[in-house]
């Protein structure tokens, strides 16, 4: 599941970068910093990415998840800091959705 999530995030970042034209996002990896300290996205770009990811996750997995909610924003370590943390957070949300 992690590989599928990672592929969706990487693809979304490449699409977003068509508008942003940031060198750091030309070839994003699991280590790519997204938001916060040394992050390549500003708040508007992050919102765009989140919206895109929620839609693609829904299409791929048939599950509706909300990435930007109180839970995500209140964590000590943001799930939006890099690709790896975002993959892990989405996987948790999908597993919880399966358990319900």
N, C-alpha and C. Protein backbone atom coordinates (compact mmCIF):
# COMPACT_ATOMS: atom_id res chain seq x y z
N UNK A 1 0.83 -1.20 0.00
CA UNK A 1 0.00 0.00 0.00
C UNK A 1 0.87 1.26 0.00
N UNK A 2 1.97 1.21 0.75
CA UNK A 2 2.83 2.39 0.83
C UNK A 2 3.37 2.81 -0.54
N UNK A 3 3.73 1.83 -1.37
CA UNK A 3 4.24 2.15 -2.70
C UNK A 3 3.19 2.84 -3.55
N UNK A 4 1.96 2.38 -3.46
CA UNK A 4 0.87 3.01 -4.23
C UNK A 4 0.64 4.44 -3.75
N UNK A 5 0.64 4.63 -2.44
CA UNK A 5 0.45 5.98 -1.89
C UNK A 5 1.61 6.88 -2.32
N UNK A 6 2.82 6.37 -2.19
CA UNK A 6 3.99 7.16 -2.58
C UNK A 6 3.92 7.56 -4.05
N UNK A 7 3.54 6.63 -4.91
CA UNK A 7 3.42 6.93 -6.34
C UNK A 7 2.40 8.04 -6.59
N UNK A 8 1.29 7.99 -5.87
CA UNK A 8 0.25 9.03 -6.02
C UNK A 8 0.81 10.39 -5.60
N UNK A 9 1.51 10.43 -4.48
CA UNK A 9 2.07 11.70 -4.00
C UNK A 9 3.11 12.24 -4.97
N UNK A 10 4.02 11.38 -5.42
CA UNK A 10 5.07 11.80 -6.35
C UNK A 10 4.45 12.34 -7.64
N UNK A 11 3.47 11.63 -8.16
CA UNK A 11 2.79 12.06 -9.38
C UNK A 11 2.10 13.42 -9.17
N UNK A 12 1.44 13.57 -8.04
CA UNK A 12 0.76 14.84 -7.74
C UNK A 12 1.75 15.99 -7.61
N UNK A 13 2.89 15.72 -7.00
CA UNK A 13 3.93 16.76 -6.88
C UNK A 13 4.46 17.18 -8.24
N UNK A 14 4.64 16.22 -9.13
CA UNK A 14 5.12 16.54 -10.47
C UNK A 14 4.09 17.38 -11.22
N UNK A 15 2.82 17.03 -11.07
CA UNK A 15 1.75 17.82 -11.71
C UNK A 15 1.72 19.24 -11.14
N UNK A 16 1.81 19.34 -9.82
CA UNK A 16 1.81 20.65 -9.17
C UNK A 16 3.00 21.48 -9.62
N UNK A 17 4.11 20.82 -9.83
CA UNK A 17 5.32 21.54 -10.21
C UNK A 17 5.25 22.11 -11.63
N UNK A 18 4.31 21.64 -12.43
CA UNK A 18 4.11 22.24 -13.75
C UNK A 18 3.72 23.70 -13.60
N UNK A 19 3.04 24.03 -12.51
CA UNK A 19 2.66 25.41 -12.21
C UNK A 19 3.76 26.12 -11.42
N UNK A 20 4.33 25.43 -10.43
CA UNK A 20 5.27 26.05 -9.51
C UNK A 20 6.66 26.23 -10.11
N UNK A 21 7.07 25.30 -10.95
CA UNK A 21 8.39 25.32 -11.58
C UNK A 21 9.52 25.44 -10.56
N UNK A 22 9.50 24.57 -9.57
CA UNK A 22 10.55 24.54 -8.54
C UNK A 22 11.53 23.41 -8.85
N UNK A 23 12.80 23.73 -8.84
CA UNK A 23 13.83 22.74 -9.12
C UNK A 23 13.72 21.56 -8.17
N UNK A 24 13.40 21.82 -6.91
CA UNK A 24 13.32 20.77 -5.89
C UNK A 24 12.23 19.74 -6.17
N UNK A 25 11.25 20.12 -6.99
CA UNK A 25 10.12 19.23 -7.27
C UNK A 25 10.19 18.59 -8.65
N UNK A 26 11.28 18.79 -9.37
CA UNK A 26 11.40 18.18 -10.70
C UNK A 26 11.46 16.66 -10.60
N UNK A 27 12.16 16.15 -9.60
CA UNK A 27 12.28 14.71 -9.38
C UNK A 27 12.07 14.41 -7.90
N UNK A 28 10.84 14.54 -7.41
CA UNK A 28 10.59 14.33 -5.98
C UNK A 28 10.85 12.88 -5.57
N UNK A 29 11.29 12.71 -4.33
CA UNK A 29 11.57 11.39 -3.77
C UNK A 29 10.87 11.28 -2.42
N UNK A 30 11.04 10.16 -1.77
CA UNK A 30 10.47 9.93 -0.44
C UNK A 30 11.01 10.94 0.57
N UNK A 31 12.18 11.49 0.32
CA UNK A 31 12.82 12.43 1.24
C UNK A 31 12.49 13.89 0.95
N UNK A 32 11.79 14.18 -0.12
CA UNK A 32 11.49 15.56 -0.50
C UNK A 32 10.74 16.28 0.61
N UNK A 33 11.29 17.42 1.03
CA UNK A 33 10.67 18.25 2.07
C UNK A 33 9.49 18.99 1.44
N UNK A 34 8.35 18.95 2.10
CA UNK A 34 7.15 19.57 1.55
C UNK A 34 6.83 20.91 2.19
N UNK A 35 6.62 20.90 3.49
CA UNK A 35 6.10 22.10 4.15
C UNK A 35 6.79 22.27 5.50
N UNK A 36 6.99 23.50 5.89
CA UNK A 36 7.67 23.78 7.16
C UNK A 36 9.12 24.13 6.90
N UNK A 37 9.97 23.81 7.85
CA UNK A 37 11.39 24.13 7.75
C UNK A 37 11.97 23.45 6.50
N UNK A 38 12.56 24.24 5.63
CA UNK A 38 13.15 23.77 4.38
C UNK A 38 12.15 23.17 3.41
N UNK A 39 10.87 23.37 3.65
CA UNK A 39 9.85 22.85 2.73
C UNK A 39 9.79 23.67 1.45
N UNK A 40 9.40 23.03 0.37
CA UNK A 40 9.35 23.71 -0.93
C UNK A 40 7.97 24.28 -1.25
N UNK A 41 6.96 23.92 -0.44
CA UNK A 41 5.59 24.40 -0.70
C UNK A 41 5.20 25.52 0.25
N UNK A 42 4.53 26.53 -0.29
CA UNK A 42 3.92 27.52 0.58
C UNK A 42 2.52 27.00 0.96
N UNK A 43 1.80 27.74 1.77
CA UNK A 43 0.52 27.24 2.27
C UNK A 43 -0.50 27.02 1.15
N UNK A 44 -0.51 27.88 0.15
CA UNK A 44 -1.45 27.72 -0.97
C UNK A 44 -1.12 26.47 -1.78
N UNK A 45 0.15 26.23 -2.04
CA UNK A 45 0.56 25.02 -2.78
C UNK A 45 0.24 23.77 -1.97
N UNK A 46 0.40 23.84 -0.65
CA UNK A 46 0.08 22.70 0.20
C UNK A 46 -1.41 22.37 0.12
N UNK A 47 -2.25 23.38 0.18
CA UNK A 47 -3.70 23.17 0.08
C UNK A 47 -4.05 22.53 -1.28
N UNK A 48 -3.43 23.01 -2.33
CA UNK A 48 -3.65 22.44 -3.66
C UNK A 48 -3.24 20.97 -3.70
N UNK A 49 -2.09 20.65 -3.12
CA UNK A 49 -1.62 19.27 -3.07
C UNK A 49 -2.58 18.40 -2.27
N UNK A 50 -3.00 18.87 -1.12
CA UNK A 50 -3.91 18.11 -0.26
C UNK A 50 -5.22 17.80 -0.97
N UNK A 51 -5.79 18.79 -1.62
CA UNK A 51 -7.04 18.60 -2.35
C UNK A 51 -6.87 17.56 -3.46
N UNK A 52 -5.77 17.67 -4.19
CA UNK A 52 -5.48 16.73 -5.26
C UNK A 52 -5.30 15.31 -4.71
N UNK A 53 -4.57 15.19 -3.62
CA UNK A 53 -4.32 13.88 -3.03
C UNK A 53 -5.60 13.24 -2.51
N UNK A 54 -6.45 14.01 -1.85
CA UNK A 54 -7.71 13.45 -1.34
C UNK A 54 -8.54 12.87 -2.48
N UNK A 55 -8.56 13.56 -3.61
CA UNK A 55 -9.32 13.09 -4.76
C UNK A 55 -8.70 11.82 -5.35
N UNK A 56 -7.39 11.82 -5.51
CA UNK A 56 -6.71 10.65 -6.11
C UNK A 56 -6.74 9.44 -5.18
N UNK A 57 -6.64 9.65 -3.88
CA UNK A 57 -6.72 8.55 -2.92
C UNK A 57 -8.12 7.93 -2.98
N UNK A 58 -9.12 8.78 -3.08
CA UNK A 58 -10.50 8.30 -3.18
C UNK A 58 -10.68 7.45 -4.43
N UNK A 59 -10.15 7.91 -5.56
CA UNK A 59 -10.25 7.17 -6.81
C UNK A 59 -9.50 5.84 -6.74
N UNK A 60 -8.30 5.86 -6.17
CA UNK A 60 -7.44 4.67 -6.14
C UNK A 60 -7.91 3.62 -5.14
N UNK A 61 -8.32 4.07 -3.95
CA UNK A 61 -8.63 3.14 -2.87
C UNK A 61 -10.13 3.04 -2.55
N UNK A 62 -10.94 3.91 -3.16
CA UNK A 62 -12.37 3.88 -2.88
C UNK A 62 -12.71 4.32 -1.47
N UNK A 63 -11.83 5.11 -0.86
CA UNK A 63 -12.03 5.60 0.51
C UNK A 63 -11.91 7.12 0.52
N UNK A 64 -12.81 7.76 1.25
CA UNK A 64 -12.74 9.21 1.40
C UNK A 64 -12.01 9.53 2.70
N UNK A 65 -10.88 10.23 2.56
CA UNK A 65 -10.13 10.65 3.74
C UNK A 65 -9.99 12.16 3.73
N UNK A 66 -9.80 12.72 4.91
CA UNK A 66 -9.55 14.15 5.04
C UNK A 66 -8.15 14.32 5.60
N UNK A 67 -7.28 14.94 4.81
CA UNK A 67 -5.89 15.10 5.22
C UNK A 67 -5.67 16.29 6.13
N UNK A 68 -6.34 17.39 5.84
CA UNK A 68 -6.13 18.61 6.61
C UNK A 68 -7.26 18.81 7.60
N UNK A 69 -7.13 18.16 8.74
CA UNK A 69 -8.13 18.33 9.79
C UNK A 69 -7.41 18.64 11.09
N UNK A 70 -8.18 18.77 12.16
CA UNK A 70 -7.62 19.12 13.46
C UNK A 70 -6.56 18.11 13.89
N UNK A 71 -6.82 16.86 13.62
CA UNK A 71 -5.86 15.81 14.00
C UNK A 71 -4.50 16.03 13.34
N UNK A 72 -4.51 16.30 12.04
CA UNK A 72 -3.24 16.51 11.32
C UNK A 72 -2.54 17.77 11.82
N UNK A 73 -3.30 18.81 12.05
CA UNK A 73 -2.71 20.09 12.43
C UNK A 73 -2.22 20.12 13.87
N UNK A 74 -2.74 19.22 14.70
CA UNK A 74 -2.36 19.25 16.12
C UNK A 74 -1.20 18.30 16.45
N UNK A 75 -0.72 17.57 15.48
CA UNK A 75 0.38 16.65 15.74
C UNK A 75 1.68 17.40 15.99
N UNK A 76 2.48 16.86 16.88
CA UNK A 76 3.78 17.49 17.18
C UNK A 76 4.66 17.54 15.94
N UNK A 77 4.67 16.45 15.19
CA UNK A 77 5.43 16.40 13.94
C UNK A 77 4.44 16.36 12.79
N UNK A 78 4.43 17.40 12.00
CA UNK A 78 3.46 17.53 10.92
C UNK A 78 3.57 16.38 9.91
N UNK A 79 2.44 15.83 9.51
CA UNK A 79 2.47 14.81 8.47
C UNK A 79 2.80 15.39 7.09
N UNK A 80 2.87 16.71 7.01
CA UNK A 80 3.14 17.38 5.74
C UNK A 80 4.60 17.82 5.60
N UNK A 81 5.47 17.39 6.53
CA UNK A 81 6.86 17.86 6.48
C UNK A 81 7.65 17.29 5.31
N UNK A 82 7.36 16.03 4.92
CA UNK A 82 8.05 15.44 3.77
C UNK A 82 7.18 14.33 3.19
N UNK A 83 7.60 13.80 2.06
CA UNK A 83 6.82 12.77 1.38
C UNK A 83 6.65 11.54 2.27
N UNK A 84 7.71 11.12 2.93
CA UNK A 84 7.65 9.93 3.78
C UNK A 84 6.60 10.06 4.88
N UNK A 85 6.59 11.18 5.58
CA UNK A 85 5.63 11.36 6.67
C UNK A 85 4.19 11.41 6.14
N UNK A 86 4.03 11.97 4.94
CA UNK A 86 2.70 12.04 4.35
C UNK A 86 2.22 10.65 3.92
N UNK A 87 3.11 9.84 3.37
CA UNK A 87 2.77 8.46 3.02
C UNK A 87 2.30 7.71 4.26
N UNK A 88 3.06 7.84 5.34
CA UNK A 88 2.72 7.13 6.58
C UNK A 88 1.38 7.59 7.13
N UNK A 89 1.13 8.90 7.09
CA UNK A 89 -0.13 9.44 7.60
C UNK A 89 -1.32 8.95 6.77
N UNK A 90 -1.18 8.98 5.46
CA UNK A 90 -2.27 8.51 4.59
C UNK A 90 -2.54 7.03 4.82
N UNK A 91 -1.48 6.25 5.00
CA UNK A 91 -1.65 4.82 5.26
C UNK A 91 -2.43 4.60 6.56
N UNK A 92 -2.13 5.36 7.59
CA UNK A 92 -2.86 5.25 8.87
C UNK A 92 -4.34 5.57 8.65
N UNK A 93 -4.62 6.65 7.94
CA UNK A 93 -6.01 7.05 7.68
C UNK A 93 -6.76 5.98 6.90
N UNK A 94 -6.11 5.39 5.90
CA UNK A 94 -6.75 4.34 5.11
C UNK A 94 -7.02 3.08 5.94
N UNK A 95 -6.08 2.72 6.79
CA UNK A 95 -6.28 1.55 7.66
C UNK A 95 -7.42 1.79 8.64
N UNK A 96 -7.49 2.99 9.19
CA UNK A 96 -8.60 3.33 10.10
C UNK A 96 -9.93 3.27 9.37
N UNK A 97 -9.94 3.74 8.14
CA UNK A 97 -11.16 3.72 7.33
C UNK A 97 -11.60 2.27 7.08
N UNK A 98 -10.63 1.38 6.88
CA UNK A 98 -10.94 -0.04 6.68
C UNK A 98 -11.51 -0.68 7.93
N UNK A 99 -11.07 -0.21 9.10
CA UNK A 99 -11.50 -0.79 10.37
C UNK A 99 -12.93 -0.39 10.74
N UNK A 100 -13.42 0.68 10.14
CA UNK A 100 -14.75 1.17 10.51
C UNK A 100 -15.84 0.39 9.81
